[in-house]
N, C-alpha and C. Protein backbone atom coordinates (compact mmCIF):
# COMPACT_ATOMS: atom_id res chain seq x y z
N UNK A 1 0.78 -1.18 0.00
CA UNK A 1 0.00 0.00 0.00
C UNK A 1 0.85 1.27 0.00
N UNK A 2 1.85 1.24 0.74
CA UNK A 2 2.74 2.38 0.79
C UNK A 2 3.38 2.61 -0.56
N UNK A 3 3.68 1.51 -1.24
CA UNK A 3 4.29 1.63 -2.56
C UNK A 3 3.32 2.29 -3.54
N UNK A 4 2.05 1.90 -3.44
CA UNK A 4 1.05 2.45 -4.36
C UNK A 4 0.86 3.94 -4.09
N UNK A 5 0.83 4.30 -2.81
CA UNK A 5 0.67 5.71 -2.48
C UNK A 5 1.89 6.50 -2.93
N UNK A 6 3.03 5.90 -2.84
CA UNK A 6 4.26 6.55 -3.27
C UNK A 6 4.23 6.79 -4.78
N UNK A 7 3.77 5.79 -5.55
CA UNK A 7 3.69 5.91 -7.02
C UNK A 7 2.67 6.97 -7.43
N UNK A 8 1.54 7.01 -6.74
CA UNK A 8 0.51 8.00 -7.05
C UNK A 8 1.04 9.39 -6.73
N UNK A 9 1.74 9.57 -5.70
CA UNK A 9 2.31 10.86 -5.33
C UNK A 9 3.32 11.32 -6.35
N UNK A 10 4.14 10.42 -6.86
CA UNK A 10 5.13 10.76 -7.88
C UNK A 10 4.45 11.17 -9.19
N UNK A 11 3.40 10.46 -9.56
CA UNK A 11 2.68 10.77 -10.80
C UNK A 11 2.06 12.17 -10.71
N UNK A 12 1.54 12.52 -9.53
CA UNK A 12 0.95 13.83 -9.35
C UNK A 12 2.01 14.93 -9.48
N UNK A 13 3.18 14.67 -8.97
CA UNK A 13 4.26 15.65 -9.09
C UNK A 13 4.66 15.83 -10.56
N UNK A 14 4.68 14.72 -11.30
CA UNK A 14 5.06 14.81 -12.72
C UNK A 14 4.00 15.56 -13.53
N UNK A 15 2.75 15.43 -13.09
CA UNK A 15 1.68 16.12 -13.80
C UNK A 15 1.74 17.63 -13.59
N UNK A 16 2.18 18.08 -12.48
CA UNK A 16 2.25 19.50 -12.19
C UNK A 16 3.45 20.12 -12.89
N UNK A 17 3.23 21.17 -13.70
CA UNK A 17 4.37 21.78 -14.38
C UNK A 17 5.18 22.61 -13.38
N UNK A 18 6.47 22.57 -13.61
CA UNK A 18 7.36 23.32 -12.75
C UNK A 18 7.67 24.63 -13.44
N UNK A 19 7.42 25.75 -12.78
CA UNK A 19 7.67 27.06 -13.35
C UNK A 19 9.16 27.31 -13.36
N UNK A 20 9.66 27.68 -14.54
CA UNK A 20 11.09 27.98 -14.64
C UNK A 20 11.24 29.47 -14.89
N UNK A 21 11.99 30.14 -14.10
CA UNK A 21 12.18 31.57 -14.24
C UNK A 21 13.19 31.89 -15.32
N UNK A 22 13.17 33.16 -15.74
CA UNK A 22 14.12 33.59 -16.75
C UNK A 22 15.49 33.77 -16.10
N UNK A 23 16.53 33.56 -16.86
CA UNK A 23 17.86 33.74 -16.27
C UNK A 23 18.14 35.21 -15.97
N UNK A 24 18.90 35.42 -14.91
CA UNK A 24 19.26 36.77 -14.54
C UNK A 24 20.39 37.25 -15.42
N UNK A 25 20.16 38.44 -16.04
CA UNK A 25 21.21 38.98 -16.90
C UNK A 25 21.55 40.38 -16.43
N UNK A 26 22.75 40.76 -16.74
CA UNK A 26 23.18 42.11 -16.38
C UNK A 26 23.20 43.01 -17.62
N UNK A 27 22.94 42.39 -18.79
CA UNK A 27 22.96 43.18 -20.03
C UNK A 27 21.68 44.01 -20.15
N UNK A 28 21.84 45.14 -20.83
CA UNK A 28 20.66 45.95 -21.08
C UNK A 28 19.83 45.29 -22.20
N UNK A 29 18.55 45.45 -22.15
CA UNK A 29 17.73 44.81 -23.21
C UNK A 29 17.99 45.45 -24.57
N UNK A 30 18.03 44.61 -25.58
CA UNK A 30 18.28 45.10 -26.94
C UNK A 30 16.99 45.64 -27.54
N UNK A 31 17.07 46.78 -28.20
CA UNK A 31 15.91 47.35 -28.91
C UNK A 31 15.90 46.77 -30.32
N UNK A 32 14.82 46.16 -30.65
CA UNK A 32 14.71 45.58 -31.99
C UNK A 32 14.55 46.68 -33.02
N UNK A 33 15.14 46.47 -34.18
CA UNK A 33 15.05 47.45 -35.26
C UNK A 33 13.69 47.26 -35.95
N UNK A 34 13.02 48.36 -36.13
CA UNK A 34 11.71 48.28 -36.80
C UNK A 34 11.93 48.01 -38.28
N UNK A 35 11.13 47.13 -38.85
CA UNK A 35 11.29 46.88 -40.29
C UNK A 35 10.82 48.10 -41.07
N UNK A 36 11.35 48.27 -42.28
CA UNK A 36 10.94 49.46 -43.06
C UNK A 36 9.45 49.37 -43.40
N UNK A 37 8.81 50.51 -43.41
CA UNK A 37 7.37 50.59 -43.69
C UNK A 37 7.16 50.43 -45.19
N UNK A 38 6.29 49.48 -45.55
CA UNK A 38 6.00 49.25 -46.97
C UNK A 38 5.00 50.28 -47.46
N UNK A 39 5.05 50.57 -48.76
CA UNK A 39 4.11 51.50 -49.35
C UNK A 39 2.73 50.83 -49.43
N UNK A 40 1.73 51.67 -49.36
CA UNK A 40 0.37 51.13 -49.49
C UNK A 40 0.18 50.57 -50.90
N UNK A 41 -0.49 49.43 -50.99
CA UNK A 41 -0.73 48.82 -52.31
C UNK A 41 -1.89 49.54 -52.99
N UNK A 42 -1.72 49.79 -54.26
CA UNK A 42 -2.75 50.46 -55.05
C UNK A 42 -3.52 49.37 -55.81
N UNK A 43 -4.82 49.30 -55.62
CA UNK A 43 -5.57 48.24 -56.31
C UNK A 43 -5.63 48.50 -57.81
N UNK A 44 -5.59 47.44 -58.57
CA UNK A 44 -5.69 47.53 -60.03
C UNK A 44 -7.17 47.54 -60.40
N UNK A 45 -7.51 48.37 -61.37
CA UNK A 45 -8.90 48.40 -61.82
C UNK A 45 -9.23 47.08 -62.51
N UNK A 46 -10.20 46.40 -61.95
CA UNK A 46 -10.61 45.12 -62.53
C UNK A 46 -11.61 45.37 -63.66
N UNK A 47 -11.42 44.67 -64.74
CA UNK A 47 -12.35 44.74 -65.85
C UNK A 47 -13.04 43.38 -65.95
N UNK A 48 -14.20 43.31 -65.33
CA UNK A 48 -14.95 42.06 -65.35
C UNK A 48 -15.65 41.89 -66.69
N UNK A 49 -15.74 40.66 -67.14
CA UNK A 49 -16.40 40.36 -68.41
C UNK A 49 -17.88 40.75 -68.34
N UNK A 50 -18.49 40.58 -67.18
CA UNK A 50 -19.90 40.92 -67.03
C UNK A 50 -20.12 42.44 -67.19
N UNK A 51 -19.15 43.24 -66.69
CA UNK A 51 -19.27 44.70 -66.85
C UNK A 51 -19.13 45.10 -68.32
N UNK A 52 -18.18 44.50 -69.00
CA UNK A 52 -17.98 44.79 -70.43
C UNK A 52 -19.21 44.39 -71.22
N UNK A 53 -19.74 43.21 -70.90
CA UNK A 53 -20.93 42.71 -71.59
C UNK A 53 -22.14 43.60 -71.33
N UNK A 54 -22.25 44.13 -70.10
CA UNK A 54 -23.36 45.02 -69.77
C UNK A 54 -23.29 46.32 -70.58
N UNK A 55 -22.08 46.84 -70.75
CA UNK A 55 -21.92 48.07 -71.54
C UNK A 55 -22.28 47.81 -73.00
N UNK A 56 -21.80 46.67 -73.55
CA UNK A 56 -22.12 46.34 -74.94
C UNK A 56 -23.62 46.12 -75.13
N UNK A 57 -24.23 45.45 -74.17
CA UNK A 57 -25.67 45.18 -74.25
C UNK A 57 -26.47 46.48 -74.18
N UNK A 58 -26.05 47.42 -73.33
CA UNK A 58 -26.73 48.71 -73.24
C UNK A 58 -26.60 49.47 -74.56
N UNK A 59 -25.41 49.41 -75.16
CA UNK A 59 -25.20 50.07 -76.46
C UNK A 59 -26.09 49.44 -77.53
N UNK A 60 -26.18 48.11 -77.53
CA UNK A 60 -27.01 47.41 -78.51
C UNK A 60 -28.49 47.73 -78.30
N UNK A 61 -28.94 47.76 -77.04
CA UNK A 61 -30.33 48.08 -76.75
C UNK A 61 -30.66 49.50 -77.21
N UNK A 62 -29.71 50.41 -77.05
CA UNK A 62 -29.90 51.78 -77.51
C UNK A 62 -30.04 51.81 -79.04
N UNK A 63 -29.19 51.06 -79.74
CA UNK A 63 -29.27 51.00 -81.20
C UNK A 63 -30.60 50.43 -81.67
N UNK A 64 -31.06 49.36 -81.00
CA UNK A 64 -32.34 48.76 -81.38
C UNK A 64 -33.49 49.74 -81.15
N UNK A 65 -33.45 50.45 -80.03
CA UNK A 65 -34.50 51.43 -79.74
C UNK A 65 -34.47 52.55 -80.78
N UNK A 66 -33.28 52.99 -81.14
CA UNK A 66 -33.14 54.06 -82.15
C UNK A 66 -33.69 53.59 -83.50
N UNK A 67 -33.36 52.35 -83.86
CA UNK A 67 -33.84 51.80 -85.14
C UNK A 67 -35.36 51.68 -85.13
N UNK A 68 -35.93 51.19 -84.02
CA UNK A 68 -37.38 51.09 -83.91
C UNK A 68 -38.05 52.44 -84.02
N UNK A 69 -37.44 53.44 -83.40
CA UNK A 69 -37.99 54.79 -83.47
C UNK A 69 -37.95 55.33 -84.90
N UNK A 70 -36.84 55.07 -85.61
CA UNK A 70 -36.73 55.53 -87.00
C UNK A 70 -37.75 54.83 -87.90
N UNK A 71 -37.94 53.53 -87.69
CA UNK A 71 -38.92 52.78 -88.49
C UNK A 71 -40.33 53.32 -88.24
N UNK A 72 -40.64 53.57 -86.97
CA UNK A 72 -41.96 54.10 -86.63
C UNK A 72 -42.17 55.47 -87.26
N UNK A 73 -41.12 56.31 -87.22
CA UNK A 73 -41.21 57.63 -87.81
C UNK A 73 -41.38 57.53 -89.33
N UNK A 74 -40.66 56.59 -89.95
CA UNK A 74 -40.77 56.40 -91.40
C UNK A 74 -42.17 55.94 -91.78
N UNK A 75 -42.75 55.02 -90.99
CA UNK A 75 -44.11 54.54 -91.28
C UNK A 75 -45.12 55.67 -91.16
N UNK A 76 -44.97 56.48 -90.12
CA UNK A 76 -45.90 57.60 -89.94
C UNK A 76 -45.79 58.58 -91.11
N UNK A 77 -44.56 58.85 -91.54
CA UNK A 77 -44.35 59.77 -92.67
C UNK A 77 -44.96 59.20 -93.95
N UNK A 78 -44.76 57.89 -94.15
CA UNK A 78 -45.30 57.25 -95.36
C UNK A 78 -46.83 57.26 -95.33
N UNK A 79 -47.44 56.99 -94.17
CA UNK A 79 -48.90 57.04 -94.06
C UNK A 79 -49.42 58.45 -94.32
N UNK A 80 -48.69 59.44 -93.82
CA UNK A 80 -49.11 60.83 -94.04
C UNK A 80 -49.04 61.18 -95.52
N UNK A 81 -47.96 60.76 -96.18
CA UNK A 81 -47.82 61.02 -97.62
C UNK A 81 -48.93 60.31 -98.41
N UNK A 82 -49.22 59.07 -98.02
CA UNK A 82 -50.25 58.31 -98.72
C UNK A 82 -51.61 58.98 -98.54
N UNK A 83 -51.88 59.46 -97.34
CA UNK A 83 -53.15 60.14 -97.07
C UNK A 83 -53.26 61.41 -97.90
N UNK A 84 -52.16 62.18 -97.98
CA UNK A 84 -52.17 63.40 -98.79
C UNK A 84 -52.40 63.07 -100.27
N UNK A 85 -51.75 62.00 -100.76
CA UNK A 85 -51.94 61.61 -102.16
C UNK A 85 -53.38 61.20 -102.43
N UNK A 86 -53.99 60.46 -101.50
CA UNK A 86 -55.38 60.05 -101.68
C UNK A 86 -56.30 61.27 -101.71
N UNK A 87 -56.05 62.23 -100.82
CA UNK A 87 -56.86 63.44 -100.82
C UNK A 87 -56.71 64.22 -102.14
N UNK A 88 -55.48 64.30 -102.64
CA UNK A 88 -55.26 64.97 -103.93
C UNK A 88 -55.97 64.23 -105.06
N UNK A 89 -55.93 62.91 -105.01
CA UNK A 89 -56.59 62.10 -106.04
C UNK A 89 -58.10 62.31 -105.99
N UNK A 90 -58.66 62.36 -104.78
CA UNK A 90 -60.10 62.59 -104.64
C UNK A 90 -60.48 63.96 -105.17
N UNK A 91 -59.67 64.99 -104.86
CA UNK A 91 -59.95 66.34 -105.36
C UNK A 91 -59.89 66.38 -106.88
N UNK A 92 -58.88 65.70 -107.46
CA UNK A 92 -58.74 65.69 -108.92
C UNK A 92 -59.91 64.96 -109.57
N UNK A 93 -60.34 63.85 -108.98
CA UNK A 93 -61.47 63.10 -109.56
C UNK A 93 -62.77 63.89 -109.46
N UNK A 94 -62.94 64.63 -108.38
CA UNK A 94 -64.16 65.43 -108.24
C UNK A 94 -64.22 66.54 -109.29
N UNK A 95 -63.06 67.08 -109.62
CA UNK A 95 -63.03 68.12 -110.67
C UNK A 95 -63.31 67.51 -112.04
N UNK A 96 -62.76 66.31 -112.29
CA UNK A 96 -62.93 65.67 -113.60
C UNK A 96 -64.33 65.10 -113.80
N UNK A 97 -64.89 64.54 -112.76
CA UNK A 97 -66.16 63.85 -112.90
C UNK A 97 -67.34 64.82 -112.78
N UNK A 98 -67.58 65.48 -113.87
CA UNK A 98 -68.73 66.38 -113.92
C UNK A 98 -69.87 65.57 -114.53
N UNK A 99 -71.03 65.56 -113.91
CA UNK A 99 -72.12 64.74 -114.46
C UNK A 99 -72.51 65.20 -115.86
N UNK A 100 -72.65 64.23 -116.75
CA UNK A 100 -73.04 64.52 -118.14
C UNK A 100 -74.34 63.81 -118.43
N UNK A 101 -75.10 64.36 -119.37
CA UNK A 101 -76.38 63.78 -119.74
C UNK A 101 -76.15 62.52 -120.58
N UNK A 102 -76.98 61.50 -120.34
CA UNK A 102 -76.92 60.25 -121.11
C UNK A 102 -77.80 60.39 -122.35
N UNK A 103 -77.41 59.72 -123.41
CA UNK A 103 -78.22 59.74 -124.63
C UNK A 103 -79.51 58.95 -124.41
N UNK A 104 -80.57 59.44 -124.99
CA UNK A 104 -81.85 58.76 -124.87
C UNK A 104 -81.90 57.60 -125.85
N UNK A 105 -82.42 56.46 -125.44
CA UNK A 105 -82.54 55.34 -126.37
C UNK A 105 -83.64 55.60 -127.40
N UNK A 106 -83.50 54.95 -128.55
CA UNK A 106 -84.49 55.10 -129.62
C UNK A 106 -85.62 54.11 -129.38
N UNK A 107 -86.84 54.66 -129.10
CA UNK A 107 -87.98 53.79 -128.86
C UNK A 107 -88.78 53.55 -130.13
N UNK A 108 -88.55 54.33 -131.17
CA UNK A 108 -89.31 54.13 -132.41
C UNK A 108 -88.78 52.94 -133.19
N UNK A 109 -87.52 52.54 -132.99
CA UNK A 109 -86.95 51.35 -133.63
C UNK A 109 -86.60 50.34 -132.53
N UNK A 110 -87.48 49.41 -132.19
CA UNK A 110 -87.18 48.45 -131.14
C UNK A 110 -86.08 47.47 -131.58
N UNK A 111 -85.38 46.96 -130.60
CA UNK A 111 -84.27 46.03 -130.87
C UNK A 111 -84.82 44.66 -131.23
N UNK A 112 -84.41 44.14 -132.38
CA UNK A 112 -84.80 42.81 -132.81
C UNK A 112 -83.52 42.00 -132.98
N UNK A 113 -83.36 40.92 -132.21
CA UNK A 113 -82.13 40.14 -132.34
C UNK A 113 -82.07 39.42 -133.67
N UNK A 114 -80.88 39.35 -134.28
CA UNK A 114 -80.71 38.66 -135.56
C UNK A 114 -80.34 37.21 -135.31
N UNK A 115 -80.67 36.39 -136.26
CA UNK A 115 -80.36 34.97 -136.17
C UNK A 115 -78.86 34.80 -136.37
N UNK A 116 -78.29 33.86 -135.64
CA UNK A 116 -76.86 33.61 -135.72
C UNK A 116 -76.51 32.96 -137.04
N UNK A 117 -75.36 33.30 -137.56
CA UNK A 117 -74.90 32.74 -138.83
C UNK A 117 -74.08 31.47 -138.64
N UNK A 118 -73.77 31.11 -137.43
CA UNK A 118 -72.97 29.91 -137.16
C UNK A 118 -73.81 28.66 -137.39
N UNK A 119 -73.11 27.58 -137.76
CA UNK A 119 -73.78 26.30 -137.94
C UNK A 119 -74.06 25.67 -136.57
N UNK A 120 -75.19 24.97 -136.41
CA UNK A 120 -75.45 24.33 -135.13
C UNK A 120 -74.46 23.19 -134.89
N UNK A 121 -74.25 22.86 -133.63
CA UNK A 121 -73.31 21.78 -133.30
C UNK A 121 -73.91 20.44 -133.64
N UNK A 122 -73.04 19.52 -134.06
CA UNK A 122 -73.48 18.18 -134.43
C UNK A 122 -73.34 17.29 -133.21
N UNK A 123 -74.41 16.62 -132.78
CA UNK A 123 -74.28 15.76 -131.61
C UNK A 123 -73.50 14.50 -131.92
N UNK A 124 -72.74 14.03 -130.95
CA UNK A 124 -71.95 12.80 -131.13
C UNK A 124 -72.39 11.77 -130.11
N UNK A 125 -72.18 10.51 -130.48
CA UNK A 125 -72.48 9.42 -129.56
C UNK A 125 -71.41 9.39 -128.47
N UNK A 126 -71.81 9.12 -127.23
CA UNK A 126 -70.78 9.01 -126.18
C UNK A 126 -70.00 7.71 -126.33
N UNK A 127 -68.71 7.77 -125.98
CA UNK A 127 -67.84 6.58 -126.06
C UNK A 127 -67.92 5.85 -124.72
N UNK A 128 -68.45 4.63 -124.77
CA UNK A 128 -68.56 3.84 -123.55
C UNK A 128 -67.36 2.95 -123.32
N UNK A 129 -66.54 2.78 -124.34
CA UNK A 129 -65.38 1.90 -124.15
C UNK A 129 -64.25 2.69 -123.49
N UNK A 130 -63.52 2.00 -122.66
CA UNK A 130 -62.39 2.60 -121.98
C UNK A 130 -61.13 2.22 -122.75
N UNK A 131 -60.27 3.18 -123.08
CA UNK A 131 -59.05 2.80 -123.79
C UNK A 131 -58.23 1.81 -122.97
N UNK A 132 -57.47 1.01 -123.70
CA UNK A 132 -56.75 -0.08 -123.07
C UNK A 132 -55.73 0.44 -122.04
N UNK A 133 -55.05 1.55 -122.35
CA UNK A 133 -54.04 2.07 -121.42
C UNK A 133 -54.66 2.68 -120.16
N UNK A 134 -55.97 3.03 -120.23
CA UNK A 134 -56.62 3.60 -119.07
C UNK A 134 -57.34 2.55 -118.23
N UNK A 135 -57.46 1.34 -118.74
CA UNK A 135 -58.19 0.31 -118.01
C UNK A 135 -57.42 -0.08 -116.76
N UNK A 136 -58.12 -0.23 -115.69
CA UNK A 136 -57.49 -0.55 -114.41
C UNK A 136 -57.27 -2.05 -114.35
N UNK A 137 -56.08 -2.46 -113.94
CA UNK A 137 -55.75 -3.88 -113.89
C UNK A 137 -56.64 -4.61 -112.90
N UNK A 138 -56.89 -4.00 -111.76
CA UNK A 138 -57.70 -4.69 -110.75
C UNK A 138 -59.11 -4.91 -111.26
N UNK A 139 -59.61 -4.01 -112.12
CA UNK A 139 -60.94 -4.17 -112.69
C UNK A 139 -60.95 -5.39 -113.59
N UNK A 140 -59.90 -5.56 -114.42
CA UNK A 140 -59.81 -6.73 -115.30
C UNK A 140 -59.73 -8.01 -114.49
N UNK A 141 -58.91 -7.97 -113.43
CA UNK A 141 -58.75 -9.18 -112.62
C UNK A 141 -60.06 -9.54 -111.94
N UNK A 142 -60.76 -8.53 -111.38
CA UNK A 142 -62.01 -8.83 -110.68
C UNK A 142 -63.06 -9.34 -111.66
N UNK A 143 -63.07 -8.84 -112.90
CA UNK A 143 -64.05 -9.30 -113.90
C UNK A 143 -63.74 -10.73 -114.32
N UNK A 144 -62.48 -11.08 -114.42
CA UNK A 144 -62.10 -12.43 -114.82
C UNK A 144 -62.40 -13.42 -113.70
N UNK A 145 -62.29 -13.01 -112.46
CA UNK A 145 -62.53 -13.90 -111.33
C UNK A 145 -64.01 -14.20 -111.15
N UNK A 146 -64.86 -13.28 -111.57
CA UNK A 146 -66.29 -13.49 -111.37
C UNK A 146 -66.80 -14.51 -112.38
N UNK A 147 -67.64 -15.43 -111.91
CA UNK A 147 -68.12 -16.48 -112.81
C UNK A 147 -69.63 -16.47 -112.95
N UNK A 148 -70.36 -16.11 -111.91
CA UNK A 148 -71.82 -16.19 -111.93
C UNK A 148 -72.45 -14.95 -112.52
N UNK A 149 -73.66 -15.10 -113.15
CA UNK A 149 -74.36 -13.93 -113.71
C UNK A 149 -74.83 -12.97 -112.63
N UNK A 150 -75.05 -13.45 -111.40
CA UNK A 150 -75.51 -12.57 -110.33
C UNK A 150 -74.41 -11.58 -109.94
N UNK A 151 -73.16 -12.01 -110.06
CA UNK A 151 -72.05 -11.11 -109.72
C UNK A 151 -71.85 -10.06 -110.81
N UNK A 152 -72.16 -10.40 -112.06
CA UNK A 152 -71.98 -9.45 -113.15
C UNK A 152 -73.04 -8.35 -113.12
N UNK A 153 -74.16 -8.58 -112.47
CA UNK A 153 -75.20 -7.56 -112.40
C UNK A 153 -74.74 -6.34 -111.61
N UNK A 154 -73.78 -6.53 -110.69
CA UNK A 154 -73.31 -5.42 -109.87
C UNK A 154 -72.34 -4.51 -110.61
N UNK A 155 -71.78 -4.98 -111.74
CA UNK A 155 -70.83 -4.16 -112.50
C UNK A 155 -71.56 -3.08 -113.26
N UNK A 156 -70.97 -1.92 -113.42
CA UNK A 156 -71.59 -0.88 -114.23
C UNK A 156 -71.59 -1.29 -115.70
N UNK A 157 -72.51 -0.72 -116.44
CA UNK A 157 -72.66 -1.12 -117.84
C UNK A 157 -71.44 -0.75 -118.67
N UNK A 158 -70.76 0.36 -118.36
CA UNK A 158 -69.61 0.76 -119.17
C UNK A 158 -68.47 -0.23 -119.00
N UNK A 159 -68.30 -0.77 -117.78
CA UNK A 159 -67.24 -1.74 -117.56
C UNK A 159 -67.56 -3.04 -118.29
N UNK A 160 -68.83 -3.44 -118.29
CA UNK A 160 -69.22 -4.66 -119.00
C UNK A 160 -68.93 -4.52 -120.49
N UNK A 161 -69.29 -3.37 -121.04
CA UNK A 161 -69.07 -3.14 -122.47
C UNK A 161 -67.57 -3.11 -122.78
N UNK A 162 -66.80 -2.50 -121.87
CA UNK A 162 -65.35 -2.44 -122.09
C UNK A 162 -64.76 -3.83 -122.07
N UNK A 163 -65.20 -4.69 -121.15
CA UNK A 163 -64.70 -6.07 -121.08
C UNK A 163 -65.08 -6.83 -122.34
N UNK A 164 -66.29 -6.62 -122.81
CA UNK A 164 -66.74 -7.32 -124.03
C UNK A 164 -65.90 -6.90 -125.22
N UNK A 165 -65.66 -5.59 -125.37
CA UNK A 165 -64.82 -5.12 -126.48
C UNK A 165 -63.39 -5.65 -126.37
N UNK A 166 -62.88 -5.67 -125.17
CA UNK A 166 -61.52 -6.16 -124.95
C UNK A 166 -61.38 -7.62 -125.34
N UNK A 167 -62.38 -8.44 -124.94
CA UNK A 167 -62.35 -9.87 -125.29
C UNK A 167 -62.51 -10.05 -126.78
N UNK A 168 -63.34 -9.25 -127.45
CA UNK A 168 -63.51 -9.36 -128.89
C UNK A 168 -62.21 -9.05 -129.62
N UNK A 169 -61.48 -8.05 -129.16
CA UNK A 169 -60.23 -7.68 -129.81
C UNK A 169 -59.17 -8.77 -129.64
N UNK A 170 -59.17 -9.39 -128.48
CA UNK A 170 -58.20 -10.46 -128.23
C UNK A 170 -58.49 -11.67 -129.11
N UNK A 171 -59.78 -11.99 -129.28
CA UNK A 171 -60.17 -13.16 -130.08
C UNK A 171 -59.91 -12.92 -131.56
N UNK A 172 -59.97 -11.74 -132.04
CA UNK A 172 -59.76 -11.47 -133.47
C UNK A 172 -58.33 -11.49 -133.75
């Protein structure tokens, strides 16, 4: 037990820092030399891209506004000129258009239409046959596939006649 108390006492002493005083000197204290004073730094003017872009954009917006104003002014001037021209045209037409008397028609000689000298048109028979180059292939195929007379009744008469003429030409 005594040993343990002795060890604990030693550990406590080691934990406590021992204050060490400064050595005694007879020399006068040295005055440190002050470093030379530096000049104040002058900041450089920064040219940010956003600032440059803002100036260019403002210049462009001013140009666009100026152009829009000139176009508007030009349109107004053109409308004014057109209005003046229309007014001048109306004034000129009013001076020119003086009402004049119309000639009276002759009632003692009534109008009698004359017979036309052209020959009358000659009527022609309609062509019911379809030329071979205009005939539709599917129409030919569907007509060939049909076998019963009941199916042929649904075909139009012009197609029937065309098929008959086509078969006659092939047989000759």
